[in-house]
Amino acid sequence: MLGRIWQFVRRHRRKFIFSSIFFGGGFVLWQYAKGRLRQWQEKEAQDMLVIARKQHHFDSNQRTCNMTTLSFLATLRASVTKLLNSDDLLAQLRDRPENKIALWDELKIVAFTRLCVAVYSSNLLVIFLRVQLNVLGAYLFVENMHNERSKEFEETHTSFEVQKKYMEMVQYLFREGVELMVEDVKSAVATVMGTKSLKDKLTINDLIEMINQIRNITEKRSLNGRIHSDLSDFPRYLLPGDGFDDDARSFTRDELVLKTLADDTKDVTESDEFATLLRTCFDTSFSRIFDKFAEHIKSSNPSELNLRVIHLPLAKLVPVTSNMLTYVCGDQPNAFIQELLSMEKVQDFSANIYEAFIQQSDQPPV
């Protein structure tokens, strides 16, 4: 019996060898494929987890942007009021002084300067904080992921002190930035309104045209075919012209990180994307201002259905213009600022910055 079996095996040994190789190789390949599939599934799960964490971190960062912006409105309002105090002029006018006409003319300039500075500075605040917090947020996310991948704990490169100093950069807008802006805008307002009499009766179209002329000068808008603003001067309201000394050998690690963050922020504020978004936000904001003026003019003559034929003396529009500061930079709830914060283009801009600086480097900013 065993002999027959042995003879059978000898006659078919090549088939047995081939079958053994085939099935053995298939088993090895199956084990390899199963291992590779497991690795792919684990990598996919890890990638999905990173994407989910990044999205959660980004969403949280945007909420922080919104809350930070709203918390700074009182500071911005105080800065504008300090430089353009219409209340003092109104108090003097109540005393019926001899130079009443001169005071009214000064109030006219101050009121429209206050309005335009409030719009410009609030827009800059909204977008600049988006830049800052998304640049910083991207670096912090990369650092956290880097530290988690490291076998040993590594201290984060962007220390709390660096984060604090970086976020304090926005204070430049409230001090030197607003002061520079007041000078520029006041000059434009004086050019446009210097010859306007307080007795001039204006329609809503006249008012819009007057403010647009101020914008043309301040934003260096050209009207060749279509309106285009040259906003290259606006970043100087956000950041000082002089930065860090380029001699990196004198820097501490924290100073190097802060310099990197500041340089990245400056690059973004000088980009075409920043100017394009700023231009869009300015148009939206001034459109809302025109709506508020229209409401006031309509309320002066509710029986007139055609808003465009209602006239009001400039003198009656000056106090309304001055009070627009509260509408623009008022405390919560602030519909003017909320609209800017919720604009799709602002959100897209934030996402692009966040993603760009995450993709820029897998390492912390030094």
Protein backbone atom coordinates (compact mmCIF):
# COMPACT_ATOMS: atom_id res chain seq x y z
CA MET A 1 0.00 0.00 0.00
CA LEU A 2 2.74 2.41 0.95
CA GLY A 3 4.67 1.39 -2.15
CA ARG A 4 1.77 2.27 -4.41
CA ILE A 5 1.43 5.63 -2.71
CA TRP A 6 5.13 6.30 -3.10
CA GLN A 7 4.98 5.33 -6.81
CA PHE A 8 1.99 7.66 -7.27
CA VAL A 9 3.89 10.50 -5.65
CA ARG A 10 6.98 9.84 -7.80
CA ARG A 11 4.90 9.79 -11.00
CA HIS A 12 3.19 13.12 -10.09
CA ARG A 13 6.03 14.77 -8.15
CA ARG A 14 6.20 17.75 -10.53
CA LYS A 15 2.51 18.41 -10.02
CA PHE A 16 2.93 18.18 -6.25
CA ILE A 17 5.94 20.55 -6.34
CA PHE A 18 4.10 23.03 -8.56
CA SER A 19 0.96 22.85 -6.40
CA SER A 20 2.99 23.37 -3.24
CA ILE A 21 4.74 26.39 -4.73
CA PHE A 22 1.48 27.79 -6.10
CA PHE A 23 -0.56 27.41 -2.95
CA GLY A 24 2.35 28.35 -0.69
CA GLY A 25 3.11 31.43 -2.76
CA GLY A 26 -0.56 32.31 -2.85
CA PHE A 27 -0.72 32.07 0.92
CA VAL A 28 2.32 34.34 1.25
CA LEU A 29 0.86 36.82 -1.23
CA TRP A 30 -2.47 36.76 0.59
CA GLN A 31 -0.75 37.46 3.90
CA TYR A 32 1.26 40.28 2.28
CA ALA A 33 -1.84 41.78 0.68
CA LYS A 34 -3.73 41.54 3.97
CA GLY A 35 -0.89 43.34 5.73
CA ARG A 36 -0.72 46.04 3.11
CA LEU A 37 -4.49 46.48 3.24
CA ARG A 38 -4.31 46.84 7.01
CA GLN A 39 -1.55 49.43 6.65
CA TRP A 40 -3.58 51.33 4.05
CA GLN A 41 -6.68 51.26 6.26
CA GLU A 42 -4.69 52.48 9.25
CA LYS A 43 -3.12 55.28 7.18
CA GLU A 44 -6.53 56.28 5.80
CA ALA A 45 -7.98 56.33 9.31
CA GLN A 46 -5.03 58.39 10.55
CA ASP A 47 -5.34 60.83 7.64
CA MET A 48 -9.07 61.20 8.26
CA LEU A 49 -8.38 61.83 11.93
CA VAL A 50 -5.82 64.53 11.06
CA ILE A 51 -8.30 66.16 8.65
CA ALA A 52 -11.03 66.09 11.28
CA ARG A 53 -8.71 67.54 13.91
CA LYS A 54 -7.53 70.23 11.52
CA GLN A 55 -11.11 71.19 10.65
CA HIS A 56 -12.07 71.32 14.30
CA HIS A 57 -9.01 73.43 15.10
CA PHE A 58 -9.75 75.77 12.18
CA ASP A 59 -13.41 76.21 13.19
CA SER A 60 -12.39 76.92 16.78
CA ASN A 61 -9.83 79.40 15.51
CA GLN A 62 -12.46 81.31 13.52
CA ARG A 63 -14.68 81.61 16.58
CA THR A 64 -11.69 83.02 18.43
CA CYS A 65 -11.18 85.50 15.56
CA ASN A 66 -14.76 86.69 15.85
CA MET A 67 -14.69 87.08 19.61
CA THR A 68 -11.32 88.85 19.52
CA THR A 69 -12.53 91.28 16.86
CA LEU A 70 -15.66 92.17 18.81
CA SER A 71 -13.66 92.63 22.01
CA PHE A 72 -11.37 95.19 20.31
CA LEU A 73 -14.17 97.43 18.99
CA ALA A 74 -14.29 99.55 22.14
CA THR A 75 -10.53 100.17 21.87
CA LEU A 76 -10.85 101.15 18.22
CA ARG A 77 -13.81 103.42 18.93
CA ALA A 78 -11.88 105.15 21.71
CA SER A 79 -8.88 105.71 19.43
CA VAL A 80 -11.00 107.30 16.70
CA THR A 81 -12.95 109.41 19.19
CA LYS A 82 -9.77 110.70 20.81
CA LEU A 83 -8.42 111.97 17.49
CA LEU A 84 -11.76 113.13 16.07
CA ASN A 85 -13.80 114.39 19.00
CA SER A 86 -16.98 115.91 17.64
CA ASP A 87 -18.55 116.19 21.11
CA ASP A 88 -16.24 119.07 22.04
CA LEU A 89 -17.22 120.93 18.90
CA LEU A 90 -20.92 120.36 19.55
CA ALA A 91 -20.51 121.58 23.12
CA GLN A 92 -18.91 124.79 21.86
CA LEU A 93 -21.70 125.29 19.34
CA ARG A 94 -24.32 125.05 22.07
CA ASP A 95 -22.80 128.15 23.67
CA ARG A 96 -23.56 130.16 20.50
CA PRO A 97 -20.01 131.41 19.93
CA GLU A 98 -19.10 134.14 17.48
CA ASN A 99 -17.11 131.70 15.35
CA LYS A 100 -20.13 129.45 14.89
CA ILE A 101 -19.66 129.11 11.13
CA ALA A 102 -16.00 128.12 11.51
CA LEU A 103 -16.91 125.54 14.14
CA TRP A 104 -19.63 124.08 11.93
CA ASP A 105 -17.17 123.84 9.04
CA GLU A 106 -14.69 122.08 11.30
CA LEU A 107 -17.41 119.75 12.56
CA LYS A 108 -18.31 118.96 8.95
CA ILE A 109 -14.75 117.84 8.23
CA VAL A 110 -14.44 115.93 11.51
CA ALA A 111 -17.78 114.13 11.03
CA PHE A 112 -17.03 112.76 7.57
CA THR A 113 -13.47 111.93 8.55
CA ARG A 114 -14.78 110.01 11.57
CA LEU A 115 -17.14 108.06 9.35
CA CYS A 116 -14.54 107.06 6.77
CA VAL A 117 -11.85 106.29 9.35
CA ALA A 118 -14.33 104.14 11.28
CA VAL A 119 -15.15 102.13 8.16
CA TYR A 120 -11.55 101.73 7.03
CA SER A 121 -10.12 100.90 10.46
CA SER A 122 -12.87 98.42 11.38
CA ASN A 123 -12.39 96.58 8.10
CA LEU A 124 -8.63 96.48 8.65
CA LEU A 125 -9.18 95.18 12.17
CA VAL A 126 -11.44 92.35 10.97
CA ILE A 127 -9.10 91.19 8.21
CA PHE A 128 -5.81 91.74 10.06
CA LEU A 129 -6.97 89.64 13.01
CA ARG A 130 -7.99 86.94 10.54
CA VAL A 131 -4.47 87.00 9.14
CA GLN A 132 -2.80 86.94 12.54
CA LEU A 133 -4.88 84.22 14.13
CA ASN A 134 -4.81 81.95 11.09
CA VAL A 135 -1.06 82.29 10.58
CA LEU A 136 -0.51 81.61 14.28
CA GLY A 137 -3.14 78.87 14.35
CA ALA A 138 -1.53 77.05 11.42
CA TYR A 139 1.88 77.09 13.07
CA LEU A 140 0.48 75.86 16.37
CA PHE A 141 -1.36 73.01 14.66
CA VAL A 142 1.79 71.92 12.82
CA GLU A 143 3.78 72.10 16.03
CA ASN A 144 1.24 70.02 17.93
CA MET A 145 1.25 67.35 15.24
CA HIS A 146 5.04 67.40 15.16
CA ASN A 147 5.26 66.97 18.93
CA GLU A 148 2.80 64.07 18.86
CA ARG A 149 4.85 62.28 16.20
CA SER A 150 8.05 62.70 18.21
CA LYS A 151 8.96 59.86 20.54
CA GLU A 152 10.12 62.26 23.18
CA PHE A 153 8.25 65.33 24.36
CA GLU A 154 9.41 68.53 22.69
CA GLU A 155 8.64 71.95 24.04
CA THR A 156 6.53 73.95 21.60
CA HIS A 157 8.60 76.44 19.62
CA THR A 158 5.92 79.14 19.69
CA SER A 159 5.92 79.92 23.38
CA PHE A 160 3.10 81.72 25.14
CA GLU A 161 5.30 84.81 25.38
CA VAL A 162 5.83 84.79 21.61
CA GLN A 163 2.10 84.37 21.00
CA LYS A 164 1.36 87.29 23.32
CA LYS A 165 3.89 89.60 21.65
CA TYR A 166 2.69 88.58 18.20
CA MET A 167 -0.96 89.34 18.99
CA GLU A 168 0.06 92.68 20.51
CA MET A 169 1.03 93.79 17.00
CA VAL A 170 -2.60 94.78 16.43
CA GLN A 171 -2.09 97.62 18.94
CA TYR A 172 -0.18 99.48 16.23
CA LEU A 173 -3.46 99.98 14.35
CA PHE A 174 -5.10 101.54 17.42
CA ARG A 175 -2.25 103.99 17.95
CA GLU A 176 -0.01 104.98 15.04
CA GLY A 177 -2.20 103.35 12.38
CA VAL A 178 -5.37 105.28 13.15
CA GLU A 179 -3.37 108.48 13.55
CA LEU A 180 -1.84 108.08 10.09
CA MET A 181 -5.23 107.21 8.65
CA VAL A 182 -6.87 110.29 10.17
CA GLU A 183 -4.26 112.51 8.49
CA ASP A 184 -4.80 110.90 5.09
CA VAL A 185 -8.59 110.77 5.23
CA LYS A 186 -8.94 114.25 6.69
CA SER A 187 -6.95 115.64 3.78
CA ALA A 188 -9.24 113.87 1.31
CA VAL A 189 -12.37 115.07 3.13
CA ALA A 190 -11.10 118.66 3.14
CA THR A 191 -10.43 118.46 -0.59
CA VAL A 192 -13.93 117.20 -1.38
CA MET A 193 -15.95 119.14 1.17
CA GLY A 194 -13.93 122.29 1.67
CA THR A 195 -16.18 124.26 -0.66
CA LYS A 196 -19.44 122.63 0.45
CA SER A 197 -21.78 124.99 2.27
CA LEU A 198 -23.73 123.80 5.28
CA LYS A 199 -26.82 125.22 3.57
CA ASP A 200 -26.35 123.00 0.51
CA LYS A 201 -29.31 120.67 0.13
CA LEU A 202 -28.31 117.13 -0.74
CA THR A 203 -30.13 114.07 -1.99
CA ILE A 204 -29.01 110.54 -1.20
CA ASN A 205 -27.28 110.45 -4.60
CA ASP A 206 -25.38 113.65 -3.79
CA LEU A 207 -24.24 112.19 -0.49
CA ILE A 208 -23.13 108.93 -2.09
CA GLU A 209 -21.22 110.83 -4.77
CA MET A 210 -19.50 112.98 -2.16
CA ILE A 211 -18.36 109.98 -0.09
CA ASN A 212 -17.22 108.16 -3.21
CA GLN A 213 -15.07 111.16 -4.11
CA ILE A 214 -13.43 110.89 -0.68
CA ARG A 215 -12.87 107.20 -1.34
CA ASN A 216 -11.38 107.93 -4.75
CA ILE A 217 -8.69 110.07 -3.16
CA THR A 218 -8.03 107.90 -0.11
CA GLU A 219 -8.01 104.58 -1.95
CA LYS A 220 -6.39 106.05 -5.08
CA ARG A 221 -9.29 104.72 -7.11
CA SER A 222 -9.03 104.94 -10.88
CA LEU A 223 -12.16 105.06 -12.99
CA ASN A 224 -10.78 103.90 -16.34
CA GLY A 225 -13.57 101.64 -17.53
CA ARG A 226 -14.20 100.25 -14.06
CA ILE A 227 -13.38 101.24 -10.52
CA HIS A 228 -10.05 99.92 -9.30
CA SER A 229 -8.50 100.80 -5.95
CA ASP A 230 -4.80 101.00 -5.27
CA LEU A 231 -4.65 99.94 -1.62
CA SER A 232 -0.87 99.61 -1.45
CA ASP A 233 -0.71 102.27 1.29
CA PHE A 234 -3.15 100.56 3.62
CA PRO A 235 -0.73 97.97 5.11
CA ARG A 236 1.22 100.85 6.68
CA TYR A 237 -1.76 101.42 8.97
CA LEU A 238 -1.26 97.89 10.30
CA LEU A 239 2.46 97.39 10.67
CA PRO A 240 5.40 99.74 11.21
CA GLY A 241 7.79 100.23 8.32
CA ASP A 242 10.83 99.24 10.35
CA GLY A 243 11.03 95.62 11.41
CA PHE A 244 13.61 93.36 12.94
CA ASP A 245 17.32 93.70 12.30
CA ASP A 246 18.24 91.12 9.68
CA ASP A 247 21.30 90.03 11.68
CA ALA A 248 19.85 86.74 12.91
CA ARG A 249 22.93 85.99 15.02
CA SER A 250 21.70 88.43 17.66
CA PHE A 251 18.28 86.77 17.95
CA THR A 252 17.09 84.47 20.69
CA ARG A 253 14.93 81.53 19.66
CA ASP A 254 11.74 83.39 20.67
CA GLU A 255 12.84 86.43 18.67
CA LEU A 256 13.43 84.27 15.61
CA VAL A 257 9.95 82.74 15.90
CA LEU A 258 8.39 86.18 16.38
CA LYS A 259 10.31 87.53 13.38
CA THR A 260 9.09 84.64 11.23
CA LEU A 261 5.48 85.24 12.25
CA ALA A 262 5.81 88.99 11.67
CA ASP A 263 7.42 88.52 8.25
CA ASP A 264 4.73 86.05 7.19
CA THR A 265 2.01 88.44 8.34
CA LYS A 266 3.60 91.33 6.46
CA ASP A 267 3.79 89.22 3.29
CA VAL A 268 0.07 88.44 3.52
CA THR A 269 -0.95 92.07 4.12
CA GLU A 270 1.03 93.14 1.06
CA SER A 271 -0.45 90.43 -1.17
CA ASP A 272 -2.95 90.95 -3.99
CA GLU A 273 -5.39 88.63 -2.21
CA PHE A 274 -5.39 90.87 0.86
CA ALA A 275 -6.00 93.99 -1.25
CA THR A 276 -8.78 92.29 -3.20
CA LEU A 277 -10.58 91.22 -0.04
CA LEU A 278 -10.11 94.65 1.52
CA ARG A 279 -11.60 96.27 -1.57
CA THR A 280 -14.64 93.97 -1.42
CA CYS A 281 -15.16 94.64 2.28
CA PHE A 282 -14.89 98.40 1.77
CA ASP A 283 -17.56 98.28 -0.93
CA THR A 284 -19.86 96.22 1.28
CA SER A 285 -19.33 98.46 4.30
CA PHE A 286 -19.91 101.75 2.50
CA SER A 287 -23.02 100.25 0.93
CA ARG A 288 -24.36 99.67 4.45
CA ILE A 289 -23.49 103.25 5.36
CA PHE A 290 -25.46 104.49 2.37
CA ASP A 291 -28.39 102.36 3.54
CA LYS A 292 -28.28 104.06 6.96
CA PHE A 293 -28.20 107.50 5.35
CA ALA A 294 -31.14 106.50 3.16
CA GLU A 295 -33.13 105.46 6.24
CA HIS A 296 -32.46 108.82 7.89
CA ILE A 297 -33.32 110.84 4.80
CA LYS A 298 -36.51 108.82 4.27
CA SER A 299 -37.56 109.39 7.88
CA SER A 300 -37.35 113.16 7.33
CA ASN A 301 -40.17 112.94 4.79
CA PRO A 302 -42.06 109.64 5.19
CA SER A 303 -44.86 110.70 2.82
CA GLU A 304 -42.48 111.00 -0.16
CA LEU A 305 -42.22 107.66 -1.93
CA ASN A 306 -39.28 108.62 -4.15
CA LEU A 307 -36.21 108.76 -1.91
CA ARG A 308 -34.09 110.34 -4.62
CA VAL A 309 -36.03 113.61 -4.63
CA ILE A 310 -35.79 114.24 -0.88
CA HIS A 311 -33.31 117.00 -0.03
CA LEU A 312 -31.70 117.72 3.32
CA PRO A 313 -29.32 120.55 4.24
CA LEU A 314 -25.77 119.38 4.83
CA ALA A 315 -25.96 120.88 8.31
CA LYS A 316 -28.63 118.32 9.26
CA LEU A 317 -26.57 115.44 7.89
CA VAL A 318 -23.40 116.32 9.80
CA PRO A 319 -24.58 115.08 13.25
CA VAL A 320 -25.91 111.89 11.69
CA THR A 321 -22.58 111.34 9.96
CA SER A 322 -20.67 111.87 13.18
CA ASN A 323 -22.86 109.37 15.05
CA MET A 324 -22.14 106.66 12.46
CA LEU A 325 -19.06 105.81 14.54
CA THR A 326 -21.35 104.11 17.06
CA TYR A 327 -23.06 102.12 14.30
CA VAL A 328 -19.73 100.94 12.88
CA CYS A 329 -17.71 100.39 16.06
CA GLY A 330 -20.49 99.98 18.60
CA ASP A 331 -20.75 97.28 21.24
CA GLN A 332 -22.45 93.95 20.66
CA PRO A 333 -24.70 93.13 18.98
CA ASN A 334 -23.01 94.86 16.05
CA ALA A 335 -24.71 94.02 12.74
CA PHE A 336 -22.14 96.00 10.76
CA ILE A 337 -19.17 93.96 12.01
CA GLN A 338 -21.10 90.68 12.08
CA GLU A 339 -21.79 90.99 8.37
CA LEU A 340 -18.08 91.39 7.68
CA LEU A 341 -17.21 88.41 9.87
CA SER A 342 -19.75 86.20 8.11
CA MET A 343 -18.85 87.17 4.54
CA GLU A 344 -18.03 84.12 2.45
CA LYS A 345 -14.96 85.79 0.95
CA VAL A 346 -13.60 86.56 4.42
CA GLN A 347 -14.09 82.94 5.44
CA ASP A 348 -12.47 81.65 2.24
CA PHE A 349 -9.54 84.00 2.75
CA SER A 350 -9.10 82.68 6.31
CA ALA A 351 -9.20 79.07 5.13
CA ASN A 352 -6.65 79.77 2.40
CA ILE A 353 -4.22 81.36 4.86
CA TYR A 354 -4.63 78.55 7.35
CA GLU A 355 -4.13 75.83 4.75
CA ALA A 356 -1.26 77.62 3.03
CA PHE A 357 0.79 77.95 6.21
CA ILE A 358 0.10 74.34 7.19
CA GLN A 359 1.24 73.16 3.77
CA GLN A 360 4.20 75.53 3.78
CA SER A 361 6.08 73.51 6.37
CA ASP A 362 5.78 70.28 8.30
CA GLN A 363 8.09 71.80 10.89
CA PRO A 364 7.70 74.62 13.44
CA PRO A 365 8.71 78.10 12.24
CA VAL A 366 12.43 77.81 13.07
